[in-house]
Amino acid sequence: MKANEIREMTPAELEAKLGELKAELFNLRFQHTINQLENPHRLTEVKRDIARVMTILRQKNLLRFLLVNLATLVACLHFKPCCLA
């Protein structure tokens, strides 16, 4: 999964995708334990996909947080009480 594809997803879609990837990782680890894993490289791919999704989800959450706080700060700067002027 490419980072550009992940960036186009909404936070709700990212959360769902993260759950799917974690479930897949669990199944792959289970298959690896009982020696039925056909493609061992898939474990690495899924771990990296999980890291990508978590990173982009974190970026989106930080951006949303900064935008909300910036709007609050701008609103406070426009309101100048006499004691601050």
N, C-alpha and C. Protein backbone atom coordinates (compact mmCIF):
# COMPACT_ATOMS: atom_id res chain seq x y z
N MET A 1 0.85 -1.17 0.00
CA MET A 1 0.00 0.00 0.00
C MET A 1 0.90 1.24 0.00
N LYS A 2 0.59 2.15 -0.88
CA LYS A 2 1.41 3.36 -1.02
C LYS A 2 0.90 4.47 -0.09
N ALA A 3 1.82 5.33 0.30
CA ALA A 3 1.48 6.42 1.22
C ALA A 3 0.46 7.37 0.59
N ASN A 4 0.55 7.60 -0.71
CA ASN A 4 -0.40 8.49 -1.37
C ASN A 4 -1.82 7.95 -1.29
N GLU A 5 -1.97 6.64 -1.42
CA GLU A 5 -3.29 6.01 -1.31
C GLU A 5 -3.84 6.20 0.10
N ILE A 6 -2.96 6.08 1.08
CA ILE A 6 -3.38 6.19 2.48
C ILE A 6 -3.77 7.62 2.80
N ARG A 7 -3.04 8.60 2.27
CA ARG A 7 -3.33 10.01 2.56
C ARG A 7 -4.70 10.44 2.04
N GLU A 8 -5.18 9.77 1.01
CA GLU A 8 -6.48 10.11 0.45
C GLU A 8 -7.64 9.61 1.30
N MET A 9 -7.37 8.72 2.25
CA MET A 9 -8.42 8.14 3.08
C MET A 9 -8.81 9.09 4.21
N THR A 10 -10.05 8.96 4.66
CA THR A 10 -10.52 9.74 5.80
C THR A 10 -10.02 9.08 7.09
N PRO A 11 -10.04 9.82 8.21
CA PRO A 11 -9.62 9.20 9.48
C PRO A 11 -10.43 7.94 9.84
N ALA A 12 -11.72 7.95 9.54
CA ALA A 12 -12.54 6.76 9.84
C ALA A 12 -12.10 5.58 8.99
N GLU A 13 -11.80 5.84 7.72
CA GLU A 13 -11.32 4.77 6.84
C GLU A 13 -9.95 4.27 7.30
N LEU A 14 -9.12 5.19 7.78
CA LEU A 14 -7.80 4.79 8.28
C LEU A 14 -7.92 3.90 9.51
N GLU A 15 -8.84 4.24 10.40
CA GLU A 15 -9.05 3.41 11.59
C GLU A 15 -9.51 2.00 11.19
N ALA A 16 -10.41 1.93 10.22
CA ALA A 16 -10.90 0.63 9.75
C ALA A 16 -9.77 -0.16 9.10
N LYS A 17 -8.97 0.51 8.29
CA LYS A 17 -7.85 -0.15 7.62
C LYS A 17 -6.83 -0.65 8.63
N LEU A 18 -6.60 0.14 9.67
CA LEU A 18 -5.67 -0.25 10.73
C LEU A 18 -6.15 -1.53 11.42
N GLY A 19 -7.44 -1.60 11.68
CA GLY A 19 -8.00 -2.82 12.29
C GLY A 19 -7.83 -4.03 11.38
N GLU A 20 -8.07 -3.84 10.09
CA GLU A 20 -7.90 -4.94 9.12
C GLU A 20 -6.45 -5.41 9.09
N LEU A 21 -5.52 -4.46 9.06
CA LEU A 21 -4.10 -4.82 8.99
C LEU A 21 -3.64 -5.53 10.25
N LYS A 22 -4.13 -5.09 11.40
CA LYS A 22 -3.74 -5.75 12.65
C LYS A 22 -4.29 -7.17 12.71
N ALA A 23 -5.51 -7.36 12.21
CA ALA A 23 -6.08 -8.71 12.16
C ALA A 23 -5.28 -9.59 11.20
N GLU A 24 -4.90 -9.02 10.06
CA GLU A 24 -4.09 -9.78 9.11
C GLU A 24 -2.74 -10.15 9.71
N LEU A 25 -2.11 -9.22 10.43
CA LEU A 25 -0.83 -9.50 11.07
C LEU A 25 -0.97 -10.61 12.10
N PHE A 26 -2.06 -10.60 12.86
CA PHE A 26 -2.30 -11.66 13.83
C PHE A 26 -2.39 -13.01 13.12
N ASN A 27 -3.15 -13.08 12.03
CA ASN A 27 -3.30 -14.33 11.29
C ASN A 27 -1.98 -14.79 10.69
N LEU A 28 -1.19 -13.84 10.17
CA LEU A 28 0.11 -14.21 9.61
C LEU A 28 1.05 -14.74 10.68
N ARG A 29 1.03 -14.12 11.84
CA ARG A 29 1.88 -14.60 12.94
C ARG A 29 1.45 -16.00 13.38
N PHE A 30 0.16 -16.22 13.41
CA PHE A 30 -0.36 -17.54 13.78
C PHE A 30 0.08 -18.59 12.76
N GLN A 31 -0.05 -18.26 11.46
CA GLN A 31 0.38 -19.18 10.41
C GLN A 31 1.88 -19.44 10.49
N HIS A 32 2.64 -18.41 10.81
CA HIS A 32 4.09 -18.55 10.94
C HIS A 32 4.44 -19.50 12.09
N THR A 33 3.70 -19.40 13.17
CA THR A 33 3.95 -20.24 14.34
C THR A 33 3.73 -21.71 14.04
N ILE A 34 2.69 -22.01 13.26
CA ILE A 34 2.39 -23.42 12.96
C ILE A 34 2.99 -23.86 11.62
N ASN A 35 3.94 -23.06 11.12
CA ASN A 35 4.69 -23.38 9.90
C ASN A 35 3.81 -23.55 8.66
N GLN A 36 2.79 -22.73 8.52
CA GLN A 36 1.94 -22.78 7.34
C GLN A 36 1.99 -21.48 6.54
N LEU A 37 2.95 -20.63 6.87
CA LEU A 37 3.05 -19.34 6.19
C LEU A 37 3.76 -19.53 4.86
N GLU A 38 3.06 -19.16 3.77
CA GLU A 38 3.61 -19.35 2.43
C GLU A 38 4.57 -18.23 2.04
N ASN A 39 4.27 -16.99 2.46
CA ASN A 39 5.08 -15.85 2.07
C ASN A 39 5.54 -15.10 3.32
N PRO A 40 6.72 -15.43 3.85
CA PRO A 40 7.20 -14.78 5.07
C PRO A 40 7.41 -13.27 4.91
N HIS A 41 7.65 -12.81 3.69
CA HIS A 41 7.87 -11.38 3.46
C HIS A 41 6.58 -10.58 3.71
N ARG A 42 5.45 -11.23 3.64
CA ARG A 42 4.17 -10.54 3.87
C ARG A 42 4.09 -9.98 5.29
N LEU A 43 4.74 -10.67 6.26
CA LEU A 43 4.78 -10.15 7.64
C LEU A 43 5.40 -8.76 7.67
N THR A 44 6.52 -8.60 6.99
CA THR A 44 7.20 -7.31 6.95
C THR A 44 6.35 -6.27 6.24
N GLU A 45 5.73 -6.65 5.14
CA GLU A 45 4.88 -5.72 4.39
C GLU A 45 3.73 -5.20 5.24
N VAL A 46 3.08 -6.10 5.96
CA VAL A 46 1.94 -5.71 6.79
C VAL A 46 2.38 -4.81 7.94
N LYS A 47 3.52 -5.12 8.55
CA LYS A 47 4.04 -4.27 9.63
C LYS A 47 4.32 -2.87 9.12
N ARG A 48 4.89 -2.77 7.93
CA ARG A 48 5.19 -1.45 7.36
C ARG A 48 3.91 -0.71 6.98
N ASP A 49 2.92 -1.44 6.48
CA ASP A 49 1.63 -0.81 6.17
C ASP A 49 0.98 -0.27 7.44
N ILE A 50 1.07 -1.03 8.53
CA ILE A 50 0.52 -0.57 9.81
C ILE A 50 1.23 0.71 10.24
N ALA A 51 2.55 0.74 10.11
CA ALA A 51 3.31 1.93 10.48
C ALA A 51 2.92 3.12 9.61
N ARG A 52 2.73 2.90 8.31
CA ARG A 52 2.31 3.98 7.42
C ARG A 52 0.95 4.55 7.82
N VAL A 53 0.01 3.65 8.06
CA VAL A 53 -1.33 4.09 8.42
C VAL A 53 -1.30 4.86 9.74
N MET A 54 -0.57 4.34 10.72
CA MET A 54 -0.50 5.02 12.01
C MET A 54 0.17 6.39 11.89
N THR A 55 1.20 6.49 11.06
CA THR A 55 1.90 7.76 10.88
C THR A 55 0.98 8.80 10.24
N ILE A 56 0.28 8.41 9.19
CA ILE A 56 -0.59 9.35 8.49
C ILE A 56 -1.79 9.72 9.35
N LEU A 57 -2.31 8.76 10.10
CA LEU A 57 -3.41 9.06 11.02
C LEU A 57 -2.94 10.06 12.08
N ARG A 58 -1.75 9.90 12.58
CA ARG A 58 -1.19 10.84 13.57
C ARG A 58 -1.02 12.24 12.94
N GLN A 59 -0.52 12.29 11.71
CA GLN A 59 -0.36 13.57 11.03
C GLN A 59 -1.70 14.29 10.87
N LYS A 60 -2.71 13.54 10.47
CA LYS A 60 -4.04 14.14 10.29
C LYS A 60 -4.61 14.64 11.61
N ASN A 61 -4.41 13.88 12.68
CA ASN A 61 -4.90 14.30 13.99
C ASN A 61 -4.17 15.54 14.48
N LEU A 62 -2.86 15.59 14.27
CA LEU A 62 -2.10 16.77 14.68
C LEU A 62 -2.52 17.99 13.87
N LEU A 63 -2.74 17.82 12.59
CA LEU A 63 -3.17 18.93 11.75
C LEU A 63 -4.52 19.46 12.21
N ARG A 64 -5.45 18.56 12.51
CA ARG A 64 -6.77 18.97 12.98
C ARG A 64 -6.64 19.72 14.31
N PHE A 65 -5.80 19.22 15.21
CA PHE A 65 -5.57 19.86 16.51
C PHE A 65 -4.98 21.25 16.33
N LEU A 66 -3.99 21.38 15.45
CA LEU A 66 -3.36 22.68 15.23
C LEU A 66 -4.33 23.67 14.60
N LEU A 67 -5.17 23.22 13.69
CA LEU A 67 -6.13 24.12 13.06
C LEU A 67 -7.16 24.62 14.06
N VAL A 68 -7.61 23.76 14.95
CA VAL A 68 -8.57 24.17 15.97
C VAL A 68 -7.94 25.18 16.92
N ASN A 69 -6.71 24.89 17.34
CA ASN A 69 -6.03 25.81 18.26
C ASN A 69 -5.67 27.12 17.58
N LEU A 70 -5.34 27.07 16.31
CA LEU A 70 -5.03 28.30 15.58
C LEU A 70 -6.28 29.18 15.47
N ALA A 71 -7.42 28.55 15.19
CA ALA A 71 -8.66 29.31 15.11
C ALA A 71 -8.99 29.95 16.46
N THR A 72 -8.75 29.24 17.54
CA THR A 72 -8.99 29.77 18.88
C THR A 72 -8.05 30.94 19.16
N LEU A 73 -6.80 30.79 18.78
CA LEU A 73 -5.81 31.85 18.99
C LEU A 73 -6.17 33.10 18.21
N VAL A 74 -6.56 32.93 16.96
CA VAL A 74 -6.94 34.07 16.14
C VAL A 74 -8.16 34.77 16.73
N ALA A 75 -9.12 33.99 17.21
CA ALA A 75 -10.31 34.58 17.83
C ALA A 75 -9.92 35.37 19.08
N CYS A 76 -8.96 34.86 19.84
CA CYS A 76 -8.53 35.56 21.05
C CYS A 76 -7.78 36.85 20.71
N LEU A 77 -7.03 36.84 19.64
CA LEU A 77 -6.27 38.03 19.25
C LEU A 77 -7.19 39.14 18.75
N HIS A 78 -8.30 38.78 18.14
CA HIS A 78 -9.24 39.78 17.66
C HIS A 78 -10.03 40.41 18.81
N PHE A 79 -10.15 39.68 19.89
CA PHE A 79 -10.85 40.19 21.07
C PHE A 79 -9.81 40.78 22.00
N LYS A 80 -9.75 42.10 22.09
CA LYS A 80 -8.75 42.76 22.93
C LYS A 80 -9.44 43.46 24.08
N PRO A 81 -9.47 42.85 25.24
CA PRO A 81 -10.03 43.54 26.39
C PRO A 81 -9.17 44.74 26.76
N CYS A 82 -9.72 45.67 27.46
CA CYS A 82 -9.03 46.90 27.78
C CYS A 82 -7.78 46.66 28.64
N CYS A 83 -7.78 45.58 29.42
CA CYS A 83 -6.63 45.34 30.29
C CYS A 83 -5.44 44.80 29.50
N LEU A 84 -5.64 44.27 28.30
CA LEU A 84 -4.54 43.75 27.51
C LEU A 84 -4.06 44.76 26.48
N ALA A 85 -4.82 45.81 26.23
CA ALA A 85 -4.46 46.78 25.18
C ALA A 85 -3.37 47.71 25.61
